[in-house]
C-alpha atoms as a PDB file:
ATOM      1  CA  MET A   1     -16.227-126.034 -60.527  1.00  0.00           C
ATOM      2  CA  THR A   2     -16.676-122.551 -61.998  1.00  0.00           C
ATOM      3  CA  LYS A   3     -17.217-119.505 -59.934  1.00  0.00           C
ATOM      4  CA  SER A   4     -20.335-117.644 -60.975  1.00  0.00           C
ATOM      5  CA  SER A   5     -21.260-114.136 -59.991  1.00  0.00           C
ATOM      6  CA  PRO A   6     -23.568-113.887 -56.952  1.00  0.00           C
ATOM      7  CA  TRP A   7     -25.578-111.296 -58.880  1.00  0.00           C
ATOM      8  CA  ARG A   8     -26.895-114.112 -61.086  1.00  0.00           C
ATOM      9  CA  SER A   9     -28.313-116.073 -58.164  1.00  0.00           C
ATOM     10  CA  PRO A  10     -32.058-115.396 -57.616  1.00  0.00           C
ATOM     11  CA  VAL A  11     -31.753-116.185 -53.885  1.00  0.00           C
ATOM     12  CA  PHE A  12     -28.988-113.608 -53.454  1.00  0.00           C
ATOM     13  CA  LEU A  13     -30.973-111.015 -55.420  1.00  0.00           C
ATOM     14  CA  ILE A  14     -34.107-111.584 -53.313  1.00  0.00           C
ATOM     15  CA  TRP A  15     -32.177-111.282 -50.031  1.00  0.00           C
ATOM     16  CA  SER A  16     -30.334-108.193 -51.268  1.00  0.00           C
ATOM     17  CA  GLY A  17     -33.628-106.616 -52.334  1.00  0.00           C
ATOM     18  CA  LEU A  18     -35.236-107.325 -48.946  1.00  0.00           C
ATOM     19  CA  LEU A  19     -32.242-105.864 -47.122  1.00  0.00           C
ATOM     20  CA  LEU A  20     -32.339-102.749 -49.314  1.00  0.00           C
ATOM     21  CA  MET A  21     -36.089-102.314 -48.693  1.00  0.00           C
ATOM     22  CA  PHE A  22     -35.467-102.643 -44.937  1.00  0.00           C
ATOM     23  CA  PHE A  23     -32.907 -99.824 -44.945  1.00  0.00           C
ATOM     24  CA  ILE A  24     -35.074 -97.577 -47.146  1.00  0.00           C
ATOM     25  CA  ALA A  25     -38.128 -98.099 -44.912  1.00  0.00           C
ATOM     26  CA  ASN A  26     -36.100 -97.293 -41.790  1.00  0.00           C
ATOM     27  CA  GLY A  27     -34.688 -94.192 -43.444  1.00  0.00           C
ATOM     28  CA  VAL A  28     -38.206 -92.995 -44.285  1.00  0.00           C
ATOM     29  CA  PHE A  29     -39.366 -93.584 -40.693  1.00  0.00           C
ATOM     30  CA  ILE A  30     -36.368 -91.715 -39.266  1.00  0.00           C
ATOM     31  CA  TYR A  31     -37.015 -88.796 -41.631  1.00  0.00           C
ATOM     32  CA  LEU A  32     -40.714 -88.664 -40.684  1.00  0.00           C
ATOM     33  CA  ALA A  33     -39.908 -88.815 -36.968  1.00  0.00           C
ATOM     34  CA  GLN A  34     -37.543 -85.860 -37.234  1.00  0.00           C
ATOM     35  CA  THR A  35     -39.686 -83.637 -39.473  1.00  0.00           C
ATOM     36  CA  ASN A  36     -43.177 -84.162 -38.024  1.00  0.00           C
ATOM     37  CA  ASP A  37     -44.440 -82.559 -34.844  1.00  0.00           C
ATOM     38  CA  PRO A  38     -45.367 -85.074 -32.146  1.00  0.00           C
ATOM     39  CA  GLY A  39     -47.342 -82.362 -30.347  1.00  0.00           C
ATOM     40  CA  LEU A  40     -46.984 -81.228 -26.783  1.00  0.00           C
ATOM     41  CA  VAL A  41     -47.016 -83.964 -24.180  1.00  0.00           C
ATOM     42  CA  VAL A  42     -48.948 -83.425 -20.956  1.00  0.00           C
ATOM     43  CA  ASP A  43     -48.344 -85.343 -17.761  1.00  0.00           C
ATOM     44  CA  ASN A  44     -52.023 -85.943 -16.944  1.00  0.00           C
ATOM     45  CA  TYR A  45     -53.239 -86.748 -20.471  1.00  0.00           C
ATOM     46  CA  TYR A  46     -55.816 -89.321 -19.352  1.00  0.00           C
ATOM     47  CA  GLU A  47     -57.567 -87.013 -16.883  1.00  0.00           C
ATOM     48  CA  ARG A  48     -57.593 -84.137 -19.372  1.00  0.00           C
ATOM     49  CA  GLY A  49     -58.946 -86.330 -22.155  1.00  0.00           C
ATOM     50  CA  GLN A  50     -61.843 -87.793 -20.173  1.00  0.00           C
ATOM     51  CA  ASP A  51     -64.003 -84.653 -20.378  1.00  0.00           C
ATOM     52  CA  TYR A  52     -62.505 -83.220 -23.573  1.00  0.00           C
ATOM     53  CA  GLU A  53     -65.784 -82.676 -25.432  1.00  0.00           C
ATOM     54  CA  LYS A  54     -67.525 -81.137 -22.424  1.00  0.00           C
ATOM     55  CA  ASN A  55     -64.587 -78.800 -21.783  1.00  0.00           C
ATOM     56  CA  MET A  56     -64.407 -77.736 -25.450  1.00  0.00           C
ATOM     57  CA  LEU A  57     -68.135 -76.911 -25.483  1.00  0.00           C
ATOM     58  CA  LYS A  58     -67.689 -74.848 -22.299  1.00  0.00           C
ATOM     59  CA  ARG A  59     -64.780 -72.938 -23.869  1.00  0.00           C
ATOM     60  CA  MET A  60     -66.735 -72.250 -27.048  1.00  0.00           C
ATOM     61  CA  ALA A  61     -69.684 -70.936 -25.003  1.00  0.00           C
ATOM     62  CA  GLN A  62     -67.378 -68.633 -23.006  1.00  0.00           C
ATOM     63  CA  ASP A  63     -65.474 -67.299 -26.030  1.00  0.00           C
ATOM     64  CA  PRO A  64     -65.665 -63.489 -25.872  1.00  0.00           C
ATOM     65  CA  GLY A  65     -64.858 -63.118 -29.586  1.00  0.00           C
ATOM     66  CA  TRP A  66     -61.703 -61.101 -29.011  1.00  0.00           C
ATOM     67  CA  ASN A  67     -59.168 -60.464 -31.737  1.00  0.00           C
ATOM     68  CA  MET A  68     -55.783 -61.736 -30.566  1.00  0.00           C
ATOM     69  CA  ARG A  69     -52.595 -61.633 -32.625  1.00  0.00           C
ATOM     70  CA  ILE A  70     -49.002 -62.630 -31.831  1.00  0.00           C
ATOM     71  CA  GLU A  71     -46.236 -60.909 -33.817  1.00  0.00           C
ATOM     72  CA  PRO A  72     -42.714 -62.262 -33.263  1.00  0.00           C
ATOM     73  CA  ALA A  73     -39.586 -60.451 -34.432  1.00  0.00           C
ATOM     74  CA  PRO A  74     -38.852 -61.085 -38.126  1.00  0.00           C
ATOM     75  CA  LYS A  75     -35.917 -63.330 -37.197  1.00  0.00           C
ATOM     76  CA  LEU A  76     -35.556 -65.059 -33.848  1.00  0.00           C
ATOM     77  CA  ILE A  77     -32.024 -66.261 -33.042  1.00  0.00           C
ATOM     78  CA  GLN A  78     -30.970 -68.742 -30.365  1.00  0.00           C
ATOM     79  CA  ASN A  79     -29.811 -67.152 -27.064  1.00  0.00           C
ATOM     80  CA  THR A  80     -30.455 -63.653 -28.436  1.00  0.00           C
ATOM     81  CA  LYS A  81     -33.252 -61.536 -27.002  1.00  0.00           C
ATOM     82  CA  GLY A  82     -35.979 -60.892 -29.533  1.00  0.00           C
ATOM     83  CA  GLU A  83     -39.222 -58.988 -29.230  1.00  0.00           C
ATOM     84  CA  VAL A  84     -42.597 -60.699 -29.362  1.00  0.00           C
ATOM     85  CA  ARG A  85     -45.640 -58.432 -29.467  1.00  0.00           C
ATOM     86  CA  PHE A  86     -49.232 -59.317 -28.680  1.00  0.00           C
ATOM     87  CA  PHE A  87     -52.280 -57.327 -29.755  1.00  0.00           C
ATOM     88  CA  LEU A  88     -55.668 -57.670 -28.062  1.00  0.00           C
ATOM     89  CA  SER A  89     -58.949 -56.021 -29.057  1.00  0.00           C
ATOM     90  CA  ASP A  90     -62.646 -56.762 -28.718  1.00  0.00           C
ATOM     91  CA  LYS A  91     -65.112 -57.501 -31.533  1.00  0.00           C
ATOM     92  CA  GLU A  92     -65.446 -53.816 -32.412  1.00  0.00           C
ATOM     93  CA  GLY A  93     -61.685 -53.260 -32.509  1.00  0.00           C
ATOM     94  CA  LYS A  94     -61.372 -51.435 -29.168  1.00  0.00           C
ATOM     95  CA  LEU A  95     -58.101 -52.222 -27.409  1.00  0.00           C
ATOM     96  CA  LEU A  96     -58.594 -54.177 -24.158  1.00  0.00           C
ATOM     97  CA  VAL A  97     -56.919 -54.101 -20.755  1.00  0.00           C
ATOM     98  CA  PRO A  98     -56.894 -57.601 -19.204  1.00  0.00           C
ATOM     99  CA  ASP A  99     -55.791 -58.560 -15.693  1.00  0.00           C
ATOM    100  CA  SER A 100     -52.614 -60.272 -16.922  1.00  0.00           C
ATOM    101  CA  VAL A 101     -50.868 -61.440 -20.099  1.00  0.00           C
ATOM    102  CA  GLN A 102     -48.361 -64.306 -19.902  1.00  0.00           C
ATOM    103  CA  PHE A 103     -46.032 -65.575 -22.655  1.00  0.00           C
ATOM    104  CA  PHE A 104     -45.267 -69.328 -22.818  1.00  0.00           C
ATOM    105  CA  ALA A 105     -42.769 -71.078 -25.111  1.00  0.00           C
ATOM    106  CA  TYR A 106     -42.852 -74.843 -25.542  1.00  0.00           C
ATOM    107  CA  ARG A 107     -40.301 -76.911 -27.418  1.00  0.00           C
ATOM    108  CA  PRO A 108     -42.158 -80.001 -28.690  1.00  0.00           C
ATOM    109  CA  THR A 109     -39.023 -82.144 -28.533  1.00  0.00           C
ATOM    110  CA  HIS A 110     -37.288 -80.840 -25.370  1.00  0.00           C
ATOM    111  CA  LYS A 111     -39.413 -80.192 -22.281  1.00  0.00           C
ATOM    112  CA  GLU A 112     -36.350 -78.848 -20.431  1.00  0.00           C
ATOM    113  CA  GLY A 113     -36.232 -75.759 -22.656  1.00  0.00           C
ATOM    114  CA  ASP A 114     -39.819 -74.619 -21.955  1.00  0.00           C
ATOM    115  CA  PHE A 115     -40.187 -71.217 -20.292  1.00  0.00           C
ATOM    116  CA  ASP A 116     -42.679 -68.463 -19.595  1.00  0.00           C
ATOM    117  CA  VAL A 117     -42.475 -64.733 -18.891  1.00  0.00           C
ATOM    118  CA  PRO A 118     -45.049 -62.045 -18.121  1.00  0.00           C
ATOM    119  CA  MET A 119     -45.686 -59.614 -20.977  1.00  0.00           C
ATOM    120  CA  GLU A 120     -45.347 -55.905 -20.297  1.00  0.00           C
ATOM    121  CA  GLU A 121     -48.023 -53.474 -21.411  1.00  0.00           C
ATOM    122  CA  LEU A 122     -46.848 -50.893 -23.955  1.00  0.00           C
ATOM    123  CA  GLN A 123     -50.299 -49.327 -24.276  1.00  0.00           C
ATOM    124  CA  ASN A 124     -53.880 -50.527 -23.960  1.00  0.00           C
ATOM    125  CA  GLY A 125     -54.180 -53.758 -25.929  1.00  0.00           C
ATOM    126  CA  VAL A 126     -50.491 -53.921 -26.944  1.00  0.00           C
ATOM    127  CA  TYR A 127     -48.065 -56.111 -24.986  1.00  0.00           C
ATOM    128  CA  ARG A 128     -44.421 -57.065 -25.369  1.00  0.00           C
ATOM    129  CA  ALA A 129     -42.020 -59.721 -24.129  1.00  0.00           C
ATOM    130  CA  MET A 130     -38.279 -59.747 -24.759  1.00  0.00           C
ATOM    131  CA  VAL A 131     -37.383 -63.433 -24.945  1.00  0.00           C
ATOM    132  CA  ALA A 132     -34.277 -65.499 -25.689  1.00  0.00           C
ATOM    133  CA  PHE A 133     -34.939 -69.028 -26.881  1.00  0.00           C
ATOM    134  CA  PRO A 134     -32.319 -71.451 -25.498  1.00  0.00           C
ATOM    135  CA  LEU A 135     -32.496 -73.918 -28.423  1.00  0.00           C
ATOM    136  CA  PRO A 136     -32.818 -73.509 -32.186  1.00  0.00           C
ATOM    137  CA  GLY A 137     -35.683 -75.041 -34.139  1.00  0.00           C
ATOM    138  CA  ILE A 138     -39.458 -75.134 -33.932  1.00  0.00           C
ATOM    139  CA  TRP A 139     -41.203 -73.660 -30.866  1.00  0.00           C
ATOM    140  CA  ASP A 140     -44.887 -73.490 -29.947  1.00  0.00           C
ATOM    141  CA  VAL A 141     -45.666 -70.064 -28.520  1.00  0.00           C
ATOM    142  CA  LEU A 142     -48.761 -69.452 -26.411  1.00  0.00           C
ATOM    143  CA  VAL A 143     -49.998 -66.165 -24.972  1.00  0.00           C
ATOM    144  CA  VAL A 144     -52.518 -66.539 -22.142  1.00  0.00           C
ATOM    145  CA  VAL A 145     -54.774 -63.625 -21.275  1.00  0.00           C
ATOM    146  CA  THR A 146     -56.522 -63.562 -17.880  1.00  0.00           C
ATOM    147  CA  LYS A 147     -59.554 -61.312 -17.439  1.00  0.00           C
ATOM    148  CA  ASP A 148     -62.097 -61.528 -14.614  1.00  0.00           C
ATOM    149  CA  GLY A 149     -60.863 -64.997 -13.613  1.00  0.00           C
ATOM    150  CA  ALA A 150     -61.238 -66.513 -17.108  1.00  0.00           C
ATOM    151  CA  GLU A 151     -58.300 -67.492 -19.333  1.00  0.00           C
ATOM    152  CA  TYR A 152     -58.126 -67.071 -23.102  1.00  0.00           C
ATOM    153  CA  SER A 153     -55.169 -68.011 -25.272  1.00  0.00           C
ATOM    154  CA  GLU A 154     -53.641 -67.552 -28.703  1.00  0.00           C
ATOM    155  CA  ALA A 155     -51.029 -69.901 -30.172  1.00  0.00           C
ATOM    156  CA  LEU A 156     -48.378 -69.575 -32.857  1.00  0.00           C
ATOM    157  CA  ARG A 157     -45.531 -71.752 -34.120  1.00  0.00           C
ATOM    158  CA  VAL A 158     -42.175 -70.008 -34.631  1.00  0.00           C
ATOM    159  CA  ASN A 159     -38.784 -71.048 -35.939  1.00  0.00           C
ATOM    160  CA  VAL A 160     -35.644 -70.047 -34.043  1.00  0.00           C
ATOM    161  CA  ALA A 161     -32.418 -69.882 -36.052  1.00  0.00           C
ATOM    162  CA  LYS A 162     -28.926 -70.857 -34.952  1.00  0.00           C
ATOM    163  CA  PRO A 163     -26.528 -67.931 -34.479  1.00  0.00           C
ATOM    164  CA  GLU A 164     -24.404 -67.229 -37.535  1.00  0.00           C
END
């Protein structure tokens, strides 16, 4: 009885190939899960989704056409206060004075890190928040403007670096 190499057996090669494909496919899925944004998760998703189209049409009809812009610091670092500015003007470019401006930060992967702070007015139409993000990585930033009982918002995605 002669010993032959298992690499010559078609059954062994097929099983080895299937096992290799299994590990490659799992590696691809793990990579995709870590690099893609799952989006923000809401507790009452069913109730919010029932009237989605009607609510979106209402929002579009109420849109005042303001120009809103969020400008974060050039480099945001974990646990280090950084400045985030918000600019608000009407269609003609006149700076506006709303009732309130609130800054929200959402971490798509860690709900525990979410926070919000009121923005201080530097001058008409220019607002600032000094914020320290508790975790590094991708954050969804939202600034909500309240004027005459209506809310308008502007969103931006930022990347927070680890301290060096």
